[in-house]
Protein backbone atom coordinates (compact mmCIF):
# COMPACT_ATOMS: atom_id res chain seq x y z
CA MET A 1 89.39 -21.93 -232.74
CA SER A 2 86.69 -19.27 -232.77
CA THR A 3 87.40 -15.90 -231.41
CA SER A 4 83.91 -14.57 -232.31
CA PRO A 5 81.65 -13.24 -229.50
CA ALA A 6 79.08 -15.96 -230.27
CA GLY A 7 81.71 -18.64 -229.59
CA SER A 8 82.85 -17.02 -226.30
CA ALA A 9 79.15 -16.80 -225.04
CA ALA A 10 78.63 -20.39 -225.66
CA HIS A 11 81.55 -21.15 -223.51
CA ALA A 12 80.52 -18.83 -220.55
CA HIS A 13 80.22 -20.47 -217.19
CA SER A 14 76.76 -20.69 -215.68
CA PHE A 15 76.01 -18.68 -212.61
CA ASP A 16 74.36 -20.56 -209.74
CA ALA A 17 73.22 -18.04 -207.18
CA SER A 18 72.40 -20.80 -204.57
CA ARG A 19 75.95 -22.00 -204.64
CA VAL A 20 77.33 -18.46 -204.29
CA ALA A 21 75.01 -17.76 -201.47
CA GLU A 22 75.89 -21.00 -199.69
CA TRP A 23 79.73 -20.18 -200.13
CA ASP A 24 79.11 -16.62 -198.64
CA GLU A 25 77.20 -18.12 -195.70
CA LYS A 26 80.07 -20.61 -195.04
CA GLU A 27 82.65 -17.75 -195.32
CA ALA A 28 80.74 -15.47 -192.89
CA ALA A 29 80.49 -18.50 -190.40
CA ALA A 30 84.23 -19.08 -190.63
CA GLU A 31 84.78 -15.38 -189.97
CA ALA A 32 82.46 -15.48 -186.97
CA ALA A 33 84.10 -18.51 -185.58
CA GLY A 34 87.57 -16.73 -186.01
CA ALA A 35 86.24 -13.77 -184.19
CA ALA A 36 84.95 -15.85 -181.32
CA ARG A 37 88.44 -17.46 -181.01
CA ASP A 38 90.08 -14.07 -181.03
CA ILE A 39 87.82 -12.58 -178.35
CA ALA A 40 88.36 -15.59 -176.26
CA ASP A 41 92.09 -14.65 -176.07
CA VAL A 42 91.22 -11.09 -174.66
CA PRO A 43 91.03 -10.74 -170.80
CA ALA A 44 87.70 -9.52 -169.44
CA VAL A 45 89.38 -6.33 -168.04
CA GLU A 46 90.37 -5.28 -171.58
CA VAL A 47 86.84 -5.97 -172.95
CA VAL A 48 85.30 -3.85 -170.15
CA SER A 49 87.91 -1.16 -170.40
CA THR A 50 87.40 -0.95 -174.15
CA ALA A 51 83.61 -0.63 -173.83
CA CYS A 52 84.27 2.15 -171.19
CA ILE A 53 86.69 4.07 -173.54
CA HIS A 54 83.96 3.90 -176.38
CA LEU A 55 81.22 5.24 -174.13
CA MET A 56 83.74 7.92 -172.77
CA SER A 57 84.69 8.88 -176.24
CA ALA A 58 81.14 9.12 -177.64
CA ALA A 59 80.13 11.30 -174.62
CA ALA A 60 82.98 13.58 -175.17
CA VAL A 61 81.90 14.22 -178.83
CA LYS A 62 78.43 14.75 -177.72
CA LEU A 63 79.70 17.31 -175.22
CA GLY A 64 81.64 19.20 -177.96
CA LEU A 65 84.94 17.96 -177.00
CA GLY A 66 85.91 16.38 -180.47
CA GLU A 67 89.14 17.13 -182.04
CA GLU A 68 87.62 18.12 -185.35
CA PRO A 69 87.15 21.88 -186.11
CA GLY A 70 83.62 22.96 -185.09
CA ALA A 71 83.27 20.17 -182.59
CA GLU A 72 81.00 22.41 -180.48
CA ARG A 73 78.26 22.24 -182.82
CA LEU A 74 77.87 18.46 -182.26
CA VAL A 75 76.75 19.04 -178.78
CA ASP A 76 73.70 16.96 -177.76
CA LEU A 77 73.09 16.95 -174.00
CA ASP A 78 70.20 14.27 -174.16
CA GLU A 79 72.64 11.93 -175.93
CA ALA A 80 75.58 12.79 -173.60
CA ARG A 81 73.37 12.08 -170.61
CA LYS A 82 72.57 8.61 -171.91
CA LEU A 83 76.22 7.88 -172.52
CA ILE A 84 77.42 9.18 -169.19
CA ASN A 85 74.69 7.22 -167.49
CA ALA A 86 75.78 3.92 -169.16
CA LEU A 87 79.46 4.66 -168.55
CA ALA A 88 78.75 5.25 -164.74
CA GLY A 89 76.69 2.10 -164.46
CA LEU A 90 79.29 0.08 -166.21
CA VAL A 91 82.40 1.29 -164.30
CA THR A 92 80.46 1.21 -160.98
CA ALA A 93 79.39 -2.36 -161.54
CA ALA A 94 82.80 -3.54 -162.99
CA ALA A 95 85.11 -1.80 -160.60
CA PRO A 96 85.28 -4.66 -158.08
CA GLU A 97 86.01 -6.98 -160.93
CA ILE A 98 88.59 -4.98 -162.88
CA SER A 99 90.53 -3.72 -159.97
CA ASP A 100 91.12 -0.09 -158.84
CA SER A 101 94.19 0.38 -161.00
CA HIS A 102 91.91 -0.07 -164.11
CA ALA A 103 88.75 1.57 -162.80
CA ARG A 104 90.45 4.78 -161.45
CA PRO A 105 91.34 6.26 -164.67
CA ILE A 106 87.89 5.46 -166.07
CA ARG A 107 86.35 7.12 -163.05
CA ASP A 108 88.52 10.16 -163.54
CA GLY A 109 87.48 10.49 -167.17
CA LEU A 110 83.72 9.93 -166.07
CA ARG A 111 84.12 12.80 -163.62
CA SER A 112 85.51 15.07 -166.12
CA LEU A 113 82.52 14.43 -168.49
CA GLN A 114 80.02 14.93 -165.65
CA LEU A 115 81.57 18.25 -164.85
CA ARG A 116 81.82 19.29 -168.53
CA PHE A 117 78.02 18.36 -168.72
CA ARG A 118 77.17 20.53 -165.86
CA GLU A 119 79.32 23.39 -167.27
CA ILE A 120 77.56 23.51 -170.61
CA SER A 121 74.03 22.65 -169.46
CA THR A 122 71.64 25.61 -169.64
CA ILE A 123 69.35 23.93 -167.18
CA PRO A 124 71.41 22.80 -164.09
CA ASP A 125 70.61 19.54 -162.39
CA ALA A 126 70.19 19.43 -158.58
CA PRO A 127 73.38 18.00 -156.83
CA GLY A 128 73.26 14.22 -157.25
CA LYS A 129 70.82 14.31 -160.10
CA GLY A 130 73.17 14.96 -162.92
CA PRO A 131 74.06 12.22 -165.41
CA GLY A 132 75.64 9.22 -163.84
CA GLU A 133 75.38 10.65 -160.35
CA LYS A 134 72.85 8.10 -159.10
CA HIS A 135 75.96 5.62 -159.46
CA THR A 136 78.83 7.83 -158.44
CA GLY A 137 77.41 10.44 -156.15
CA SER A 138 77.38 14.11 -156.69
CA VAL A 139 80.35 15.62 -158.53
CA ILE A 140 79.88 19.04 -157.04
């Protein structure tokens, strides 16, 4: 038996990039199928609520309400306005489908975000013209 580097090099396995790529592709497809099966088990009200919570959390960060030190330097009212508008549209459209017991806390959070936006905005919007107010009505 040879233990020389030349002997081990002759015994090395060949690398077939196309086979590896095919394997990776099949693995990704299997993961996607698993994710689709997982999402099929989730009730629609949870999907909608989760989307609302993500929008709400992102808007809160853009309004300087993050938990980290110095969160107020992350304020971006333009971005917050977009997120609040999206949240207001989603909760308004979904409320009849997800029931009042699920929509009410989301609406409460939305209202808090709308009021915070008005509180820190240097150029006040007219009543009914603030972020999301075309869907929710004026918050003042």
